[in-house]
Amino acid sequence: IYQGRRDALIDGLARIGWDVPRPQGTMFAWAPIPEPYREMGSLEFASYLVTEADVAASPGVGFGSGGEGHVRFALIENEQRIAQAVRNLRRALTKL
């Protein structure tokens, strides 16, 4: 189940121009903030995703200073919901 969710997210993000490493054996995907948005930092970028795309991600800085520059997605939704999230991200992330 998680492999299908992971693939739906990672493949969908790749299609919109966001290169995210494919996680192995976890229910989370750590995504580096895309370059055009990196100056926002993880907290502001995560807030932007919620307000502009209706997609929740955890700011990496919440997991320590090493997490800054990333957001973490939890693979808790089904593949259809993930596909909708990717569509929302495509509309919100116009700089990709």
N, C-alpha and C. Protein backbone atom coordinates (compact mmCIF):
# COMPACT_ATOMS: atom_id res chain seq x y z
N ILE A 1 0.83 -1.20 0.00
CA ILE A 1 0.00 0.00 0.00
C ILE A 1 0.87 1.25 0.00
N TYR A 2 1.88 1.28 0.88
CA TYR A 2 2.73 2.48 0.96
C TYR A 2 3.59 2.65 -0.28
N GLN A 3 3.98 1.55 -0.90
CA GLN A 3 4.76 1.66 -2.13
C GLN A 3 3.94 2.34 -3.22
N GLY A 4 2.67 1.98 -3.35
CA GLY A 4 1.80 2.63 -4.33
C GLY A 4 1.62 4.10 -4.03
N ARG A 5 1.45 4.44 -2.77
CA ARG A 5 1.31 5.84 -2.37
C ARG A 5 2.60 6.60 -2.64
N ARG A 6 3.70 5.98 -2.28
CA ARG A 6 5.00 6.61 -2.52
C ARG A 6 5.20 6.89 -4.00
N ASP A 7 4.92 5.88 -4.82
CA ASP A 7 5.11 6.05 -6.26
C ASP A 7 4.17 7.11 -6.83
N ALA A 8 2.94 7.15 -6.35
CA ALA A 8 2.00 8.18 -6.82
C ALA A 8 2.53 9.57 -6.50
N LEU A 9 3.06 9.74 -5.30
CA LEU A 9 3.58 11.06 -4.91
C LEU A 9 4.86 11.40 -5.66
N ILE A 10 5.84 10.53 -5.61
CA ILE A 10 7.15 10.84 -6.20
C ILE A 10 7.04 10.99 -7.72
N ASP A 11 6.31 10.11 -8.37
CA ASP A 11 6.15 10.21 -9.82
C ASP A 11 5.35 11.45 -10.19
N GLY A 12 4.33 11.75 -9.41
CA GLY A 12 3.53 12.96 -9.67
C GLY A 12 4.35 14.22 -9.50
N LEU A 13 5.15 14.28 -8.45
CA LEU A 13 6.00 15.45 -8.24
C LEU A 13 7.02 15.59 -9.36
N ALA A 14 7.57 14.48 -9.82
CA ALA A 14 8.53 14.53 -10.93
C ALA A 14 7.87 15.11 -12.18
N ARG A 15 6.61 14.75 -12.43
CA ARG A 15 5.91 15.27 -13.61
C ARG A 15 5.72 16.77 -13.56
N ILE A 16 5.65 17.36 -12.36
CA ILE A 16 5.48 18.81 -12.28
C ILE A 16 6.81 19.54 -12.10
N GLY A 17 7.92 18.79 -12.13
CA GLY A 17 9.23 19.41 -12.08
C GLY A 17 9.88 19.47 -10.71
N TRP A 18 9.36 18.70 -9.75
CA TRP A 18 9.91 18.69 -8.39
C TRP A 18 10.58 17.33 -8.18
N ASP A 19 11.90 17.34 -8.17
CA ASP A 19 12.67 16.11 -8.03
C ASP A 19 12.84 15.77 -6.56
N VAL A 20 12.23 14.67 -6.14
CA VAL A 20 12.25 14.21 -4.75
C VAL A 20 12.80 12.79 -4.72
N PRO A 21 13.79 12.53 -3.84
CA PRO A 21 14.31 11.16 -3.75
C PRO A 21 13.21 10.18 -3.35
N ARG A 22 13.25 9.01 -3.94
CA ARG A 22 12.26 7.96 -3.67
C ARG A 22 12.64 7.28 -2.34
N PRO A 23 11.80 7.43 -1.31
CA PRO A 23 12.14 6.81 -0.02
C PRO A 23 12.06 5.29 -0.08
N GLN A 24 12.83 4.66 0.76
CA GLN A 24 12.85 3.20 0.84
C GLN A 24 12.42 2.78 2.25
N GLY A 25 11.32 2.08 2.37
CA GLY A 25 10.94 1.49 3.64
C GLY A 25 10.45 2.46 4.70
N THR A 26 9.77 3.50 4.30
CA THR A 26 9.24 4.45 5.27
C THR A 26 7.92 5.00 4.75
N MET A 27 7.12 5.57 5.64
CA MET A 27 5.85 6.16 5.22
C MET A 27 5.95 7.67 5.06
N PHE A 28 7.18 8.17 4.92
CA PHE A 28 7.41 9.60 4.75
C PHE A 28 8.29 9.84 3.54
N ALA A 29 8.07 10.98 2.90
CA ALA A 29 8.94 11.42 1.81
C ALA A 29 9.52 12.77 2.19
N TRP A 30 10.83 12.84 2.25
CA TRP A 30 11.53 14.09 2.53
C TRP A 30 11.82 14.77 1.21
N ALA A 31 11.26 15.96 1.03
CA ALA A 31 11.38 16.66 -0.24
C ALA A 31 12.20 17.93 -0.07
N PRO A 32 13.31 18.04 -0.81
CA PRO A 32 14.03 19.31 -0.78
C PRO A 32 13.15 20.40 -1.37
N ILE A 33 13.16 21.55 -0.75
CA ILE A 33 12.36 22.66 -1.28
C ILE A 33 12.92 23.02 -2.66
N PRO A 34 12.06 23.13 -3.66
CA PRO A 34 12.55 23.48 -5.00
C PRO A 34 13.29 24.81 -4.98
N GLU A 35 14.33 24.91 -5.78
CA GLU A 35 15.19 26.09 -5.80
C GLU A 35 14.44 27.42 -5.86
N PRO A 36 13.43 27.58 -6.72
CA PRO A 36 12.76 28.88 -6.77
C PRO A 36 12.06 29.28 -5.47
N TYR A 37 11.87 28.34 -4.57
CA TYR A 37 11.16 28.60 -3.31
C TYR A 37 12.06 28.46 -2.09
N ARG A 38 13.32 28.08 -2.29
CA ARG A 38 14.21 27.74 -1.19
C ARG A 38 14.41 28.90 -0.21
N GLU A 39 14.43 30.12 -0.70
CA GLU A 39 14.66 31.28 0.19
C GLU A 39 13.55 31.44 1.23
N MET A 40 12.40 30.83 1.00
CA MET A 40 11.30 30.92 1.96
C MET A 40 11.62 30.20 3.26
N GLY A 41 12.43 29.17 3.19
CA GLY A 41 12.67 28.32 4.35
C GLY A 41 11.53 27.33 4.51
N SER A 42 11.76 26.31 5.30
CA SER A 42 10.80 25.21 5.37
C SER A 42 9.49 25.59 6.05
N LEU A 43 9.53 26.43 7.06
CA LEU A 43 8.30 26.81 7.75
C LEU A 43 7.38 27.63 6.85
N GLU A 44 7.94 28.64 6.22
CA GLU A 44 7.13 29.48 5.32
C GLU A 44 6.66 28.68 4.10
N PHE A 45 7.52 27.81 3.57
CA PHE A 45 7.13 27.02 2.41
C PHE A 45 6.01 26.04 2.75
N ALA A 46 6.10 25.40 3.90
CA ALA A 46 5.02 24.48 4.32
C ALA A 46 3.72 25.25 4.49
N SER A 47 3.78 26.44 5.05
CA SER A 47 2.58 27.27 5.19
C SER A 47 2.02 27.65 3.83
N TYR A 48 2.90 27.96 2.89
CA TYR A 48 2.49 28.29 1.54
C TYR A 48 1.75 27.12 0.89
N LEU A 49 2.25 25.90 1.09
CA LEU A 49 1.60 24.74 0.50
C LEU A 49 0.19 24.56 1.05
N VAL A 50 0.01 24.82 2.34
CA VAL A 50 -1.32 24.70 2.93
C VAL A 50 -2.26 25.77 2.38
N THR A 51 -1.81 27.01 2.36
CA THR A 51 -2.71 28.09 1.95
C THR A 51 -2.97 28.13 0.45
N GLU A 52 -1.96 27.81 -0.36
CA GLU A 52 -2.10 27.94 -1.81
C GLU A 52 -2.48 26.65 -2.52
N ALA A 53 -2.17 25.49 -1.92
CA ALA A 53 -2.43 24.21 -2.60
C ALA A 53 -3.32 23.28 -1.79
N ASP A 54 -3.68 23.67 -0.56
CA ASP A 54 -4.46 22.78 0.31
C ASP A 54 -3.75 21.45 0.52
N VAL A 55 -2.43 21.49 0.62
CA VAL A 55 -1.60 20.30 0.84
C VAL A 55 -0.78 20.52 2.10
N ALA A 56 -0.86 19.58 3.02
CA ALA A 56 -0.11 19.68 4.27
C ALA A 56 1.21 18.94 4.16
N ALA A 57 2.26 19.59 4.62
CA ALA A 57 3.59 18.99 4.73
C ALA A 57 4.21 19.55 6.00
N SER A 58 5.05 18.77 6.63
CA SER A 58 5.72 19.22 7.84
C SER A 58 6.99 19.97 7.46
N PRO A 59 7.22 21.14 8.06
CA PRO A 59 8.47 21.86 7.77
C PRO A 59 9.66 21.08 8.34
N GLY A 60 10.68 20.93 7.55
CA GLY A 60 11.84 20.15 7.97
C GLY A 60 12.51 20.68 9.22
N VAL A 61 12.48 21.99 9.41
CA VAL A 61 13.14 22.57 10.59
C VAL A 61 12.53 22.05 11.89
N GLY A 62 11.30 21.58 11.85
CA GLY A 62 10.66 21.02 13.03
C GLY A 62 11.32 19.74 13.52
N PHE A 63 12.20 19.17 12.69
CA PHE A 63 12.90 17.94 13.05
C PHE A 63 14.37 18.21 13.36
N GLY A 64 14.71 19.47 13.51
CA GLY A 64 16.08 19.87 13.81
C GLY A 64 16.65 20.71 12.68
N SER A 65 17.78 21.35 12.96
CA SER A 65 18.37 22.26 11.98
C SER A 65 18.76 21.55 10.68
N GLY A 66 19.07 20.26 10.75
CA GLY A 66 19.40 19.51 9.54
C GLY A 66 18.23 19.32 8.60
N GLY A 67 17.01 19.52 9.10
CA GLY A 67 15.82 19.38 8.26
C GLY A 67 15.48 20.63 7.49
N GLU A 68 16.11 21.76 7.84
CA GLU A 68 15.84 23.00 7.11
C GLU A 68 16.16 22.79 5.64
N GLY A 69 15.33 23.39 4.79
CA GLY A 69 15.49 23.23 3.35
C GLY A 69 14.68 22.08 2.78
N HIS A 70 13.90 21.40 3.66
CA HIS A 70 13.07 20.27 3.24
C HIS A 70 11.67 20.40 3.85
N VAL A 71 10.74 19.70 3.25
CA VAL A 71 9.44 19.44 3.87
C VAL A 71 9.24 17.94 3.86
N ARG A 72 8.42 17.46 4.78
CA ARG A 72 8.17 16.02 4.88
C ARG A 72 6.70 15.75 4.59
N PHE A 73 6.45 14.88 3.65
CA PHE A 73 5.11 14.43 3.33
C PHE A 73 4.88 13.07 3.98
N ALA A 74 3.73 12.89 4.61
CA ALA A 74 3.34 11.59 5.15
C ALA A 74 2.48 10.89 4.10
N LEU A 75 2.75 9.63 3.87
CA LEU A 75 2.03 8.85 2.86
C LEU A 75 0.80 8.21 3.47
N ILE A 76 -0.12 9.05 3.96
CA ILE A 76 -1.27 8.56 4.70
C ILE A 76 -2.56 8.58 3.89
N GLU A 77 -2.54 9.22 2.74
CA GLU A 77 -3.74 9.30 1.89
C GLU A 77 -3.68 8.25 0.79
N ASN A 78 -4.84 7.91 0.23
CA ASN A 78 -4.85 6.94 -0.86
C ASN A 78 -4.33 7.60 -2.15
N GLU A 79 -4.11 6.78 -3.16
CA GLU A 79 -3.49 7.27 -4.39
C GLU A 79 -4.32 8.33 -5.11
N GLN A 80 -5.63 8.25 -5.02
CA GLN A 80 -6.48 9.25 -5.66
C GLN A 80 -6.32 10.61 -4.97
N ARG A 81 -6.27 10.60 -3.65
CA ARG A 81 -6.06 11.86 -2.91
C ARG A 81 -4.68 12.43 -3.17
N ILE A 82 -3.70 11.56 -3.30
CA ILE A 82 -2.34 12.02 -3.61
C ILE A 82 -2.31 12.64 -5.00
N ALA A 83 -3.00 12.04 -5.96
CA ALA A 83 -3.07 12.61 -7.31
C ALA A 83 -3.72 13.98 -7.28
N GLN A 84 -4.74 14.17 -6.46
CA GLN A 84 -5.37 15.48 -6.32
C GLN A 84 -4.40 16.47 -5.71
N ALA A 85 -3.65 16.03 -4.71
CA ALA A 85 -2.65 16.90 -4.09
C ALA A 85 -1.61 17.35 -5.11
N VAL A 86 -1.17 16.44 -5.95
CA VAL A 86 -0.19 16.80 -6.98
C VAL A 86 -0.78 17.82 -7.94
N ARG A 87 -2.03 17.65 -8.32
CA ARG A 87 -2.68 18.64 -9.20
C ARG A 87 -2.72 20.00 -8.52
N ASN A 88 -3.05 20.02 -7.24
CA ASN A 88 -3.08 21.28 -6.49
C ASN A 88 -1.68 21.91 -6.42
N LEU A 89 -0.68 21.08 -6.21
CA LEU A 89 0.70 21.58 -6.16
C LEU A 89 1.11 22.16 -7.51
N ARG A 90 0.72 21.49 -8.58
CA ARG A 90 1.07 22.00 -9.92
C ARG A 90 0.51 23.40 -10.12
N ARG A 91 -0.71 23.63 -9.67
CA ARG A 91 -1.31 24.96 -9.82
C ARG A 91 -0.64 26.00 -8.92
N ALA A 92 -0.22 25.59 -7.73
CA ALA A 92 0.33 26.53 -6.76
C ALA A 92 1.81 26.84 -6.99
N LEU A 93 2.55 25.88 -7.48
CA LEU A 93 3.99 26.04 -7.64
C LEU A 93 4.31 26.49 -9.08
N THR A 94 3.95 27.71 -9.37
CA THR A 94 4.06 28.23 -10.73
C THR A 94 5.50 28.47 -11.18
N LYS A 95 6.44 28.48 -10.25
CA LYS A 95 7.85 28.72 -10.61
C LYS A 95 8.59 27.45 -11.01
N LEU A 96 7.92 26.30 -10.94
CA LEU A 96 8.59 25.04 -11.32
C LEU A 96 8.63 24.90 -12.84
